[in-house]
């Protein structure tokens, strides 16, 4: 294996997938429901970008990128054998297709560096999604069940318009996960500030995320009837993708500030 870096890359992804809790445990997955939703949406965005770039829109969203870039590509014998054995124990066809796609992509990318086309890894968000709670499922109505949250898939074009979430490390993902209903804000004057109001069982807590990379209690969000922040409070509401991007910017910012919010 040491003399075949491409096979080693494929086995690296396969080992990550083998370590996932298959099938997922509800409590574990639900504890990561917010980060899993962000990861899944970022996967859908990357898959949309890839499918548009490679002319395979009909395959979106659960696509084997390698098959479209090089239909004749075949994995190393040892990779294909162990991959086939692993796929037999997965809970769903689309989950298996993406896991196979991720393993094959790791090998293909190593053998064909130009195939990346300057685009981000299409499968990394989904690998992290699996690692944080296991599989997804799609019902007959076309909704996606992520364990604890369900949403409509939407269209490829809609995801093409989403700005990317580029920082997917555990610090960012863990910062997204908390119990209760969450609303994010930033300051109209300081777009490097991230505030979070979390409502649980009728009570709310307010926290800010700063350069120490943790949530701390804050009084920057004013109380108001119906939990809506007054328009004159100087705060701008963010959706969870924008919040994830800002957390990533804070995590990776050099000393002196996090820069502009997304």
C-alpha atoms as a PDB file:
ATOM      1  CA  UNK A   1       0.000   0.000   0.000  1.00  0.00           C
ATOM      2  CA  UNK A   2       2.902   2.335   0.750  1.00  0.00           C
ATOM      3  CA  UNK A   3       3.943   2.229  -2.921  1.00  0.00           C
ATOM      4  CA  UNK A   4       0.435   3.174  -4.117  1.00  0.00           C
ATOM      5  CA  UNK A   5      -0.552   6.561  -2.668  1.00  0.00           C
ATOM      6  CA  UNK A   6      -3.858   6.537  -4.574  1.00  0.00           C
ATOM      7  CA  UNK A   7      -4.982   3.248  -3.015  1.00  0.00           C
ATOM      8  CA  UNK A   8      -3.814   4.519   0.369  1.00  0.00           C
ATOM      9  CA  UNK A   9      -5.978   7.640  -0.057  1.00  0.00           C
ATOM     10  CA  UNK A  10      -8.979   5.468  -0.907  1.00  0.00           C
ATOM     11  CA  UNK A  11      -8.408   3.256   2.130  1.00  0.00           C
ATOM     12  CA  UNK A  12      -8.111   6.370   4.301  1.00  0.00           C
ATOM     13  CA  UNK A  13     -11.647   7.397   3.340  1.00  0.00           C
ATOM     14  CA  UNK A  14     -12.891   3.829   3.686  1.00  0.00           C
ATOM     15  CA  UNK A  15     -11.533   3.647   7.234  1.00  0.00           C
ATOM     16  CA  UNK A  16     -13.386   6.847   8.115  1.00  0.00           C
ATOM     17  CA  UNK A  17     -16.590   5.324   6.807  1.00  0.00           C
ATOM     18  CA  UNK A  18     -16.027   2.054   8.631  1.00  0.00           C
ATOM     19  CA  UNK A  19     -15.735   4.007  11.880  1.00  0.00           C
ATOM     20  CA  UNK A  20     -19.193   5.598  11.427  1.00  0.00           C
ATOM     21  CA  UNK A  21     -22.050   4.301  13.579  1.00  0.00           C
ATOM     22  CA  UNK A  22     -24.100   2.370  11.010  1.00  0.00           C
ATOM     23  CA  UNK A  23     -27.017   2.562  11.371  1.00  0.00           C
ATOM     24  CA  UNK A  24     -26.944   5.865  13.206  1.00  0.00           C
ATOM     25  CA  UNK A  25     -27.915   6.141  16.868  1.00  0.00           C
ATOM     26  CA  UNK A  26     -30.778   8.588  17.280  1.00  0.00           C
ATOM     27  CA  UNK A  27     -29.485  10.346  20.411  1.00  0.00           C
ATOM     28  CA  UNK A  28     -26.004  10.819  18.971  1.00  0.00           C
ATOM     29  CA  UNK A  29     -27.319  12.089  15.637  1.00  0.00           C
ATOM     30  CA  UNK A  30     -29.891  14.387  17.262  1.00  0.00           C
ATOM     31  CA  UNK A  31     -27.159  15.918  19.417  1.00  0.00           C
ATOM     32  CA  UNK A  32     -25.448  17.009  16.194  1.00  0.00           C
ATOM     33  CA  UNK A  33     -28.574  17.897  14.248  1.00  0.00           C
ATOM     34  CA  UNK A  34     -27.645  21.532  13.593  1.00  0.00           C
ATOM     35  CA  UNK A  35     -24.119  20.855  12.353  1.00  0.00           C
ATOM     36  CA  UNK A  36     -25.380  17.899  10.293  1.00  0.00           C
ATOM     37  CA  UNK A  37     -27.913  20.141   8.588  1.00  0.00           C
ATOM     38  CA  UNK A  38     -25.178  22.637   7.662  1.00  0.00           C
ATOM     39  CA  UNK A  39     -22.906  19.843   6.434  1.00  0.00           C
ATOM     40  CA  UNK A  40     -25.630  18.286   4.320  1.00  0.00           C
ATOM     41  CA  UNK A  41     -26.539  21.600   2.734  1.00  0.00           C
ATOM     42  CA  UNK A  42     -22.887  22.292   1.976  1.00  0.00           C
ATOM     43  CA  UNK A  43     -22.629  18.855   0.371  1.00  0.00           C
ATOM     44  CA  UNK A  44     -25.666  19.657  -1.798  1.00  0.00           C
ATOM     45  CA  UNK A  45     -24.023  22.933  -2.834  1.00  0.00           C
ATOM     46  CA  UNK A  46     -20.728  21.268  -3.740  1.00  0.00           C
ATOM     47  CA  UNK A  47     -22.519  18.496  -5.603  1.00  0.00           C
ATOM     48  CA  UNK A  48     -24.449  21.149  -7.556  1.00  0.00           C
ATOM     49  CA  UNK A  49     -21.223  22.971  -8.456  1.00  0.00           C
ATOM     50  CA  UNK A  50     -19.597  19.725  -9.566  1.00  0.00           C
ATOM     51  CA  UNK A  51     -22.582  18.564 -11.592  1.00  0.00           C
ATOM     52  CA  UNK A  52     -22.823  21.899 -13.352  1.00  0.00           C
ATOM     53  CA  UNK A  53     -19.069  21.988 -14.049  1.00  0.00           C
ATOM     54  CA  UNK A  54     -18.991  18.445 -15.413  1.00  0.00           C
ATOM     55  CA  UNK A  55     -22.307  18.470 -17.258  1.00  0.00           C
ATOM     56  CA  UNK A  56     -23.993  15.804 -15.148  1.00  0.00           C
ATOM     57  CA  UNK A  57     -26.896  17.759 -13.645  1.00  0.00           C
ATOM     58  CA  UNK A  58     -29.194  14.756 -14.063  1.00  0.00           C
ATOM     59  CA  UNK A  59     -27.135  12.883 -11.467  1.00  0.00           C
ATOM     60  CA  UNK A  60     -27.520  15.521  -8.745  1.00  0.00           C
ATOM     61  CA  UNK A  61     -27.434  15.318  -5.796  1.00  0.00           C
ATOM     62  CA  UNK A  62     -26.120  11.832  -4.965  1.00  0.00           C
ATOM     63  CA  UNK A  63     -23.563  11.491  -7.687  1.00  0.00           C
ATOM     64  CA  UNK A  64     -20.405   9.495  -8.354  1.00  0.00           C
ATOM     65  CA  UNK A  65     -18.216  12.312  -9.650  1.00  0.00           C
ATOM     66  CA  UNK A  66     -15.494   9.942 -10.852  1.00  0.00           C
ATOM     67  CA  UNK A  67     -17.895   8.022 -13.077  1.00  0.00           C
ATOM     68  CA  UNK A  68     -18.733  11.228 -14.947  1.00  0.00           C
ATOM     69  CA  UNK A  69     -15.149  12.446 -15.243  1.00  0.00           C
ATOM     70  CA  UNK A  70     -13.761   9.096 -16.355  1.00  0.00           C
ATOM     71  CA  UNK A  71     -16.315   6.344 -17.089  1.00  0.00           C
ATOM     72  CA  UNK A  72     -13.470   3.887 -17.690  1.00  0.00           C
ATOM     73  CA  UNK A  73     -11.839   4.435 -14.277  1.00  0.00           C
ATOM     74  CA  UNK A  74     -11.415   1.306 -12.188  1.00  0.00           C
ATOM     75  CA  UNK A  75     -10.211   1.218  -8.602  1.00  0.00           C
ATOM     76  CA  UNK A  76      -7.297  -0.911  -7.538  1.00  0.00           C
ATOM     77  CA  UNK A  77      -8.363  -4.518  -7.000  1.00  0.00           C
ATOM     78  CA  UNK A  78      -7.767  -4.421  -3.248  1.00  0.00           C
ATOM     79  CA  UNK A  79      -9.781  -1.200  -2.938  1.00  0.00           C
ATOM     80  CA  UNK A  80     -12.755  -2.390  -4.967  1.00  0.00           C
ATOM     81  CA  UNK A  81     -12.928  -5.685  -3.068  1.00  0.00           C
ATOM     82  CA  UNK A  82     -12.989  -4.141   0.395  1.00  0.00           C
ATOM     83  CA  UNK A  83     -15.300  -1.351  -0.733  1.00  0.00           C
ATOM     84  CA  UNK A  84     -17.838  -3.836  -2.102  1.00  0.00           C
ATOM     85  CA  UNK A  85     -17.795  -5.746   1.188  1.00  0.00           C
ATOM     86  CA  UNK A  86     -18.348  -2.536   3.164  1.00  0.00           C
ATOM     87  CA  UNK A  87     -21.198  -1.296   0.957  1.00  0.00           C
ATOM     88  CA  UNK A  88     -23.222  -4.437   1.597  1.00  0.00           C
ATOM     89  CA  UNK A  89     -23.900  -3.393   5.190  1.00  0.00           C
ATOM     90  CA  UNK A  90     -25.047   0.164   4.523  1.00  0.00           C
ATOM     91  CA  UNK A  91     -28.696   1.112   5.186  1.00  0.00           C
ATOM     92  CA  UNK A  92     -29.694   2.756   1.894  1.00  0.00           C
ATOM     93  CA  UNK A  93     -28.906   2.865  -1.832  1.00  0.00           C
ATOM     94  CA  UNK A  94     -28.152   6.599  -1.926  1.00  0.00           C
ATOM     95  CA  UNK A  95     -25.958   6.373   1.169  1.00  0.00           C
ATOM     96  CA  UNK A  96     -24.043   3.527  -0.467  1.00  0.00           C
ATOM     97  CA  UNK A  97     -23.690   5.477  -3.706  1.00  0.00           C
ATOM     98  CA  UNK A  98     -22.157   8.482  -1.959  1.00  0.00           C
ATOM     99  CA  UNK A  99     -19.840   6.343   0.184  1.00  0.00           C
ATOM    100  CA  UNK A 100     -18.641   4.545  -2.926  1.00  0.00           C
ATOM    101  CA  UNK A 101     -18.273   7.889  -4.668  1.00  0.00           C
ATOM    102  CA  UNK A 102     -16.157   9.292  -1.819  1.00  0.00           C
ATOM    103  CA  UNK A 103     -13.777   6.321  -1.798  1.00  0.00           C
ATOM    104  CA  UNK A 104     -13.447   6.262  -5.582  1.00  0.00           C
ATOM    105  CA  UNK A 105     -12.955  10.037  -5.690  1.00  0.00           C
ATOM    106  CA  UNK A 106     -10.071   9.876  -3.194  1.00  0.00           C
ATOM    107  CA  UNK A 107      -8.284   7.365  -5.419  1.00  0.00           C
ATOM    108  CA  UNK A 108      -9.133   9.105  -8.679  1.00  0.00           C
ATOM    109  CA  UNK A 109      -8.005  12.504  -7.401  1.00  0.00           C
ATOM    110  CA  UNK A 110      -4.632  11.063  -6.362  1.00  0.00           C
ATOM    111  CA  UNK A 111      -4.126   9.466  -9.763  1.00  0.00           C
ATOM    112  CA  UNK A 112      -5.472  12.454 -11.713  1.00  0.00           C
ATOM    113  CA  UNK A 113      -4.718  15.710  -9.852  1.00  0.00           C
ATOM    114  CA  UNK A 114      -6.031  17.789 -12.737  1.00  0.00           C
ATOM    115  CA  UNK A 115      -9.468  16.204 -12.302  1.00  0.00           C
ATOM    116  CA  UNK A 116     -10.158  18.369  -9.272  1.00  0.00           C
ATOM    117  CA  UNK A 117     -10.590  21.314 -11.652  1.00  0.00           C
ATOM    118  CA  UNK A 118      -9.823  23.753  -8.834  1.00  0.00           C
ATOM    119  CA  UNK A 119     -13.058  22.838  -7.050  1.00  0.00           C
ATOM    120  CA  UNK A 120     -13.372  21.734  -3.405  1.00  0.00           C
ATOM    121  CA  UNK A 121     -13.712  18.099  -2.375  1.00  0.00           C
ATOM    122  CA  UNK A 122     -17.338  17.228  -3.142  1.00  0.00           C
ATOM    123  CA  UNK A 123     -17.619  14.540  -0.478  1.00  0.00           C
ATOM    124  CA  UNK A 124     -15.894  15.964   2.610  1.00  0.00           C
ATOM    125  CA  UNK A 125     -19.053  17.623   4.019  1.00  0.00           C
ATOM    126  CA  UNK A 126     -20.966  14.363   3.639  1.00  0.00           C
ATOM    127  CA  UNK A 127     -18.170  12.328   5.238  1.00  0.00           C
ATOM    128  CA  UNK A 128     -18.309  14.626   8.237  1.00  0.00           C
ATOM    129  CA  UNK A 129     -22.094  14.403   8.212  1.00  0.00           C
ATOM    130  CA  UNK A 130     -21.877  10.608   8.460  1.00  0.00           C
ATOM    131  CA  UNK A 131     -19.252  10.824  11.197  1.00  0.00           C
ATOM    132  CA  UNK A 132     -21.574  13.009  13.275  1.00  0.00           C
ATOM    133  CA  UNK A 133     -24.540  10.657  13.313  1.00  0.00           C
ATOM    134  CA  UNK A 134     -24.814   8.201  10.451  1.00  0.00           C
ATOM    135  CA  UNK A 135     -27.098   8.028   7.480  1.00  0.00           C
ATOM    136  CA  UNK A 136     -29.858  10.111   5.926  1.00  0.00           C
ATOM    137  CA  UNK A 137     -33.063   8.851   4.314  1.00  0.00           C
ATOM    138  CA  UNK A 138     -35.357  10.140   1.575  1.00  0.00           C
ATOM    139  CA  UNK A 139     -39.105   9.539   1.784  1.00  0.00           C
ATOM    140  CA  UNK A 140     -41.588   8.988  -1.044  1.00  0.00           C
ATOM    141  CA  UNK A 141     -42.535  12.681  -1.019  1.00  0.00           C
ATOM    142  CA  UNK A 142     -38.960  13.729  -1.750  1.00  0.00           C
ATOM    143  CA  UNK A 143     -38.105  15.039   1.721  1.00  0.00           C
ATOM    144  CA  UNK A 144     -34.733  14.303   3.329  1.00  0.00           C
ATOM    145  CA  UNK A 145     -34.679  12.963   6.894  1.00  0.00           C
ATOM    146  CA  UNK A 146     -31.435  13.861   8.683  1.00  0.00           C
ATOM    147  CA  UNK A 147     -32.553  12.369  12.035  1.00  0.00           C
ATOM    148  CA  UNK A 148     -34.238  15.077  14.050  1.00  0.00           C
ATOM    149  CA  UNK A 149     -34.935  17.397  11.132  1.00  0.00           C
ATOM    150  CA  UNK A 150     -36.583  16.985   7.728  1.00  0.00           C
ATOM    151  CA  UNK A 151     -36.444  19.360   4.777  1.00  0.00           C
ATOM    152  CA  UNK A 152     -37.307  19.489   1.106  1.00  0.00           C
ATOM    153  CA  UNK A 153     -34.424  18.886  -1.255  1.00  0.00           C
ATOM    154  CA  UNK A 154     -35.053  21.832  -3.572  1.00  0.00           C
ATOM    155  CA  UNK A 155     -33.303  22.366  -6.898  1.00  0.00           C
ATOM    156  CA  UNK A 156     -29.709  22.294  -8.073  1.00  0.00           C
ATOM    157  CA  UNK A 157     -29.960  25.941  -9.148  1.00  0.00           C
ATOM    158  CA  UNK A 158     -30.944  27.023  -5.648  1.00  0.00           C
ATOM    159  CA  UNK A 159     -27.785  25.533  -4.141  1.00  0.00           C
ATOM    160  CA  UNK A 160     -25.544  27.079  -6.755  1.00  0.00           C
ATOM    161  CA  UNK A 161     -26.403  30.451  -5.268  1.00  0.00           C
ATOM    162  CA  UNK A 162     -25.273  29.596  -1.727  1.00  0.00           C
ATOM    163  CA  UNK A 163     -21.924  31.013  -0.584  1.00  0.00           C
ATOM    164  CA  UNK A 164     -19.611  28.179   0.484  1.00  0.00           C
ATOM    165  CA  UNK A 165     -18.971  26.986   4.018  1.00  0.00           C
ATOM    166  CA  UNK A 166     -15.244  26.384   3.722  1.00  0.00           C
ATOM    167  CA  UNK A 167     -14.162  25.690   7.321  1.00  0.00           C
ATOM    168  CA  UNK A 168     -15.587  22.347   8.454  1.00  0.00           C
ATOM    169  CA  UNK A 169     -13.428  21.498  11.457  1.00  0.00           C
ATOM    170  CA  UNK A 170     -14.789  20.218  14.751  1.00  0.00           C
ATOM    171  CA  UNK A 171     -14.495  23.636  16.433  1.00  0.00           C
ATOM    172  CA  UNK A 172     -16.911  25.127  13.915  1.00  0.00           C
ATOM    173  CA  UNK A 173     -19.275  22.158  13.890  1.00  0.00           C
ATOM    174  CA  UNK A 174     -19.361  21.753  17.670  1.00  0.00           C
ATOM    175  CA  UNK A 175     -20.141  25.464  18.035  1.00  0.00           C
ATOM    176  CA  UNK A 176     -23.298  24.978  15.967  1.00  0.00           C
ATOM    177  CA  UNK A 177     -24.712  22.170  18.104  1.00  0.00           C
ATOM    178  CA  UNK A 178     -26.858  23.060  21.100  1.00  0.00           C
ATOM    179  CA  UNK A 179     -30.307  22.202  22.408  1.00  0.00           C
ATOM    180  CA  UNK A 180     -33.279  24.401  21.665  1.00  0.00           C
ATOM    181  CA  UNK A 181     -34.318  26.815  18.945  1.00  0.00           C
ATOM    182  CA  UNK A 182     -31.458  29.069  17.874  1.00  0.00           C
ATOM    183  CA  UNK A 183     -31.403  32.509  16.280  1.00  0.00           C
ATOM    184  CA  UNK A 184     -28.112  34.100  15.237  1.00  0.00           C
ATOM    185  CA  UNK A 185     -27.227  37.784  14.979  1.00  0.00           C
ATOM    186  CA  UNK A 186     -24.271  39.926  14.137  1.00  0.00           C
ATOM    187  CA  UNK A 187     -23.750  43.613  14.758  1.00  0.00           C
ATOM    188  CA  UNK A 188     -24.469  46.126  12.027  1.00  0.00           C
ATOM    189  CA  UNK A 189     -21.267  47.926  13.122  1.00  0.00           C
ATOM    190  CA  UNK A 190     -19.039  44.941  13.922  1.00  0.00           C
ATOM    191  CA  UNK A 191     -19.563  42.166  11.384  1.00  0.00           C
ATOM    192  CA  UNK A 192     -16.998  40.006  13.175  1.00  0.00           C
ATOM    193  CA  UNK A 193     -19.348  39.630  16.141  1.00  0.00           C
ATOM    194  CA  UNK A 194     -21.562  36.548  16.389  1.00  0.00           C
ATOM    195  CA  UNK A 195     -24.441  36.407  18.853  1.00  0.00           C
ATOM    196  CA  UNK A 196     -26.795  33.512  19.556  1.00  0.00           C
ATOM    197  CA  UNK A 197     -30.180  33.399  21.288  1.00  0.00           C
ATOM    198  CA  UNK A 198     -31.207  29.896  22.285  1.00  0.00           C
ATOM    199  CA  UNK A 199     -34.787  29.226  23.404  1.00  0.00           C
ATOM    200  CA  UNK A 200     -35.445  26.025  25.335  1.00  0.00           C
ATOM    201  CA  UNK A 201     -38.632  25.169  27.215  1.00  0.00           C
ATOM    202  CA  UNK A 202     -39.829  28.766  27.094  1.00  0.00           C
ATOM    203  CA  UNK A 203     -36.628  30.331  28.476  1.00  0.00           C
ATOM    204  CA  UNK A 204     -33.802  31.864  26.492  1.00  0.00           C
ATOM    205  CA  UNK A 205     -30.058  32.261  26.939  1.00  0.00           C
ATOM    206  CA  UNK A 206     -27.891  34.699  24.994  1.00  0.00           C
ATOM    207  CA  UNK A 207     -24.243  34.070  24.170  1.00  0.00           C
ATOM    208  CA  UNK A 208     -21.471  35.454  21.964  1.00  0.00           C
ATOM    209  CA  UNK A 209     -18.752  33.541  20.142  1.00  0.00           C
ATOM    210  CA  UNK A 210     -15.349  35.173  20.293  1.00  0.00           C
ATOM    211  CA  UNK A 211     -11.640  34.728  19.688  1.00  0.00           C
ATOM    212  CA  UNK A 212     -11.369  32.299  22.628  1.00  0.00           C
ATOM    213  CA  UNK A 213     -13.495  29.992  20.438  1.00  0.00           C
ATOM    214  CA  UNK A 214     -16.290  29.364  22.893  1.00  0.00           C
ATOM    215  CA  UNK A 215     -19.756  30.693  23.639  1.00  0.00           C
ATOM    216  CA  UNK A 216     -19.934  33.144  26.555  1.00  0.00           C
ATOM    217  CA  UNK A 217     -22.940  34.793  28.192  1.00  0.00           C
ATOM    218  CA  UNK A 218     -23.744  38.209  26.733  1.00  0.00           C
ATOM    219  CA  UNK A 219     -26.234  41.009  27.237  1.00  0.00           C
ATOM    220  CA  UNK A 220     -25.868  42.332  23.682  1.00  0.00           C
ATOM    221  CA  UNK A 221     -29.258  40.960  22.569  1.00  0.00           C
ATOM    222  CA  UNK A 222     -32.082  43.019  24.081  1.00  0.00           C
ATOM    223  CA  UNK A 223     -35.185  41.349  25.473  1.00  0.00           C
ATOM    224  CA  UNK A 224     -38.430  42.021  23.629  1.00  0.00           C
ATOM    225  CA  UNK A 225     -41.941  40.579  23.454  1.00  0.00           C
ATOM    226  CA  UNK A 226     -42.191  37.524  21.222  1.00  0.00           C
ATOM    227  CA  UNK A 227     -38.399  37.073  21.268  1.00  0.00           C
ATOM    228  CA  UNK A 228     -37.997  39.379  18.273  1.00  0.00           C
ATOM    229  CA  UNK A 229     -35.088  41.792  18.480  1.00  0.00           C
ATOM    230  CA  UNK A 230     -36.110  45.435  17.932  1.00  0.00           C
ATOM    231  CA  UNK A 231     -35.043  46.921  14.610  1.00  0.00           C
ATOM    232  CA  UNK A 232     -33.205  49.739  16.375  1.00  0.00           C
ATOM    233  CA  UNK A 233     -30.978  47.318  18.314  1.00  0.00           C
ATOM    234  CA  UNK A 234     -28.276  47.505  15.639  1.00  0.00           C
ATOM    235  CA  UNK A 235     -28.286  43.748  15.050  1.00  0.00           C
ATOM    236  CA  UNK A 236     -28.551  41.810  11.804  1.00  0.00           C
ATOM    237  CA  UNK A 237     -30.118  38.369  11.799  1.00  0.00           C
ATOM    238  CA  UNK A 238     -28.104  35.528  10.205  1.00  0.00           C
ATOM    239  CA  UNK A 239     -29.234  32.157   8.962  1.00  0.00           C
ATOM    240  CA  UNK A 240     -27.338  29.075  10.119  1.00  0.00           C
ATOM    241  CA  UNK A 241     -25.142  28.893   7.014  1.00  0.00           C
ATOM    242  CA  UNK A 242     -24.039  32.489   7.467  1.00  0.00           C
ATOM    243  CA  UNK A 243     -23.411  31.763  11.149  1.00  0.00           C
ATOM    244  CA  UNK A 244     -21.283  28.742  10.235  1.00  0.00           C
ATOM    245  CA  UNK A 245     -19.258  30.865   7.828  1.00  0.00           C
ATOM    246  CA  UNK A 246     -18.702  33.513  10.475  1.00  0.00           C
ATOM    247  CA  UNK A 247     -17.655  30.933  13.075  1.00  0.00           C
ATOM    248  CA  UNK A 248     -15.166  29.590  10.538  1.00  0.00           C
ATOM    249  CA  UNK A 249     -13.872  33.084   9.916  1.00  0.00           C
ATOM    250  CA  UNK A 250     -13.429  33.676  13.643  1.00  0.00           C
ATOM    251  CA  UNK A 251     -11.668  30.333  14.081  1.00  0.00           C
ATOM    252  CA  UNK A 252      -9.183  31.002  11.272  1.00  0.00           C
ATOM    253  CA  UNK A 253      -8.734  34.756  11.699  1.00  0.00           C
ATOM    254  CA  UNK A 254      -5.290  36.124  12.530  1.00  0.00           C
ATOM    255  CA  UNK A 255      -4.957  38.203  15.684  1.00  0.00           C
ATOM    256  CA  UNK A 256      -6.872  41.434  15.331  1.00  0.00           C
ATOM    257  CA  UNK A 257     -10.327  40.386  14.212  1.00  0.00           C
ATOM    258  CA  UNK A 258     -12.577  38.097  12.230  1.00  0.00           C
ATOM    259  CA  UNK A 259     -13.257  40.466   9.348  1.00  0.00           C
ATOM    260  CA  UNK A 260     -16.576  40.918   7.651  1.00  0.00           C
ATOM    261  CA  UNK A 261     -19.495  38.597   8.253  1.00  0.00           C
ATOM    262  CA  UNK A 262     -20.890  36.673   5.302  1.00  0.00           C
END
